[in-house]
Amino acid sequence: NQVERLLKMAIQMLEKSKDIMWGTKKNKKLTIKIGIHHGNVIIGVIGFHKPQFSLIGDAVNTTSRHCSTANPG
């Protein structure tokens, strides 16, 4: 099941990152937010001089809202 695998991966990411310290003095604790949503998306390369990948669709917007309102893990 893809969703179950994705959730397990998210939990592992939270567990692995909880003890990571960063900064010049390693005094800042790493916090991450994970937003998960599934659905149709459109992917493409945008730009000519500096091409970059872009994801477009409701699933991307919903995931972004999940991340912006979630508590850091």
C-alpha atoms as a PDB file:
ATOM      1  CA  ASN A   1       0.000   0.000   0.000  1.00  0.00           C
ATOM      2  CA  GLN A   2       1.596   3.265  -1.138  1.00  0.00           C
ATOM      3  CA  VAL A   3      -0.038   5.455   1.508  1.00  0.00           C
ATOM      4  CA  GLU A   4       1.052   3.141   4.316  1.00  0.00           C
ATOM      5  CA  ARG A   5       4.625   3.150   2.997  1.00  0.00           C
ATOM      6  CA  LEU A   6       4.571   6.939   2.764  1.00  0.00           C
ATOM      7  CA  LEU A   7       3.343   7.283   6.348  1.00  0.00           C
ATOM      8  CA  LYS A   8       6.035   4.891   7.587  1.00  0.00           C
ATOM      9  CA  MET A   9       8.654   6.934   5.737  1.00  0.00           C
ATOM     10  CA  ALA A  10       7.365  10.168   7.309  1.00  0.00           C
ATOM     11  CA  ILE A  11       7.546   8.639  10.796  1.00  0.00           C
ATOM     12  CA  GLN A  12      11.099   7.434  10.134  1.00  0.00           C
ATOM     13  CA  MET A  13      12.083  10.915   8.922  1.00  0.00           C
ATOM     14  CA  LEU A  14      10.724  12.454  12.132  1.00  0.00           C
ATOM     15  CA  GLU A  15      12.528   9.882  14.291  1.00  0.00           C
ATOM     16  CA  LYS A  16      15.865  10.275  12.463  1.00  0.00           C
ATOM     17  CA  SER A  17      15.758  14.077  12.542  1.00  0.00           C
ATOM     18  CA  LYS A  18      14.798  14.593  16.190  1.00  0.00           C
ATOM     19  CA  ASP A  19      18.412  14.437  17.451  1.00  0.00           C
ATOM     20  CA  ILE A  20      20.039  16.415  14.622  1.00  0.00           C
ATOM     21  CA  MET A  21      21.629  19.662  15.730  1.00  0.00           C
ATOM     22  CA  TRP A  22      22.801  22.310  13.290  1.00  0.00           C
ATOM     23  CA  GLY A  23      24.341  25.767  13.138  1.00  0.00           C
ATOM     24  CA  THR A  24      27.905  26.963  13.559  1.00  0.00           C
ATOM     25  CA  LYS A  25      27.886  25.815  17.184  1.00  0.00           C
ATOM     26  CA  LYS A  26      25.505  22.890  16.654  1.00  0.00           C
ATOM     27  CA  ASN A  27      23.112  24.545  19.111  1.00  0.00           C
ATOM     28  CA  LYS A  28      19.956  24.563  17.002  1.00  0.00           C
ATOM     29  CA  LYS A  29      17.651  21.573  16.876  1.00  0.00           C
ATOM     30  CA  LEU A  30      16.396  20.555  13.446  1.00  0.00           C
ATOM     31  CA  THR A  31      12.620  20.698  13.082  1.00  0.00           C
ATOM     32  CA  ILE A  32      10.737  19.381  10.095  1.00  0.00           C
ATOM     33  CA  LYS A  33       7.149  19.486   8.926  1.00  0.00           C
ATOM     34  CA  ILE A  34       5.698  16.826   6.673  1.00  0.00           C
ATOM     35  CA  GLY A  35       2.486  17.360   4.744  1.00  0.00           C
ATOM     36  CA  ILE A  36       0.943  14.325   3.079  1.00  0.00           C
ATOM     37  CA  HIS A  37      -1.854  14.351   0.557  1.00  0.00           C
ATOM     38  CA  HIS A  38      -2.435  12.327  -2.578  1.00  0.00           C
ATOM     39  CA  GLY A  39      -4.071  13.109  -5.854  1.00  0.00           C
ATOM     40  CA  ASN A  40      -3.416  14.162  -9.402  1.00  0.00           C
ATOM     41  CA  VAL A  41      -0.651  16.632 -10.196  1.00  0.00           C
ATOM     42  CA  ILE A  42       0.903  18.097 -13.292  1.00  0.00           C
ATOM     43  CA  ILE A  43       4.691  18.147 -13.461  1.00  0.00           C
ATOM     44  CA  GLY A  44       6.759  20.087 -15.883  1.00  0.00           C
ATOM     45  CA  VAL A  45       9.907  22.084 -16.443  1.00  0.00           C
ATOM     46  CA  ILE A  46       9.384  25.825 -16.305  1.00  0.00           C
ATOM     47  CA  GLY A  47      11.886  28.396 -17.523  1.00  0.00           C
ATOM     48  CA  PHE A  48      14.365  28.682 -20.340  1.00  0.00           C
ATOM     49  CA  HIS A  49      17.469  30.315 -18.871  1.00  0.00           C
ATOM     50  CA  LYS A  50      17.118  28.645 -15.469  1.00  0.00           C
ATOM     51  CA  PRO A  51      14.842  25.603 -15.907  1.00  0.00           C
ATOM     52  CA  GLN A  52      13.295  24.079 -12.804  1.00  0.00           C
ATOM     53  CA  PHE A  53      10.753  21.376 -12.047  1.00  0.00           C
ATOM     54  CA  SER A  54       7.306  22.449 -10.916  1.00  0.00           C
ATOM     55  CA  LEU A  55       4.354  20.522  -9.482  1.00  0.00           C
ATOM     56  CA  ILE A  56       0.890  21.985  -9.998  1.00  0.00           C
ATOM     57  CA  GLY A  57      -2.485  20.769  -8.724  1.00  0.00           C
ATOM     58  CA  ASP A  58      -4.882  20.591  -5.802  1.00  0.00           C
ATOM     59  CA  ALA A  59      -2.818  17.848  -4.140  1.00  0.00           C
ATOM     60  CA  VAL A  60       0.198  20.183  -4.062  1.00  0.00           C
ATOM     61  CA  ASN A  61      -1.851  23.063  -2.646  1.00  0.00           C
ATOM     62  CA  THR A  62      -3.425  20.860   0.043  1.00  0.00           C
ATOM     63  CA  THR A  63      -0.043  19.455   1.039  1.00  0.00           C
ATOM     64  CA  SER A  64       1.353  22.976   1.291  1.00  0.00           C
ATOM     65  CA  ARG A  65      -1.493  23.957   3.613  1.00  0.00           C
ATOM     66  CA  HIS A  66      -0.821  20.847   5.736  1.00  0.00           C
ATOM     67  CA  CYS A  67       2.817  21.903   6.119  1.00  0.00           C
ATOM     68  CA  SER A  68       2.125  25.564   6.824  1.00  0.00           C
ATOM     69  CA  THR A  69      -0.342  24.796   9.629  1.00  0.00           C
ATOM     70  CA  ALA A  70       1.363  21.740  11.150  1.00  0.00           C
ATOM     71  CA  ASN A  71       3.275  21.743  14.421  1.00  0.00           C
ATOM     72  CA  PRO A  72       7.006  21.091  13.938  1.00  0.00           C
ATOM     73  CA  GLY A  73       7.951  17.491  14.660  1.00  0.00           C
END
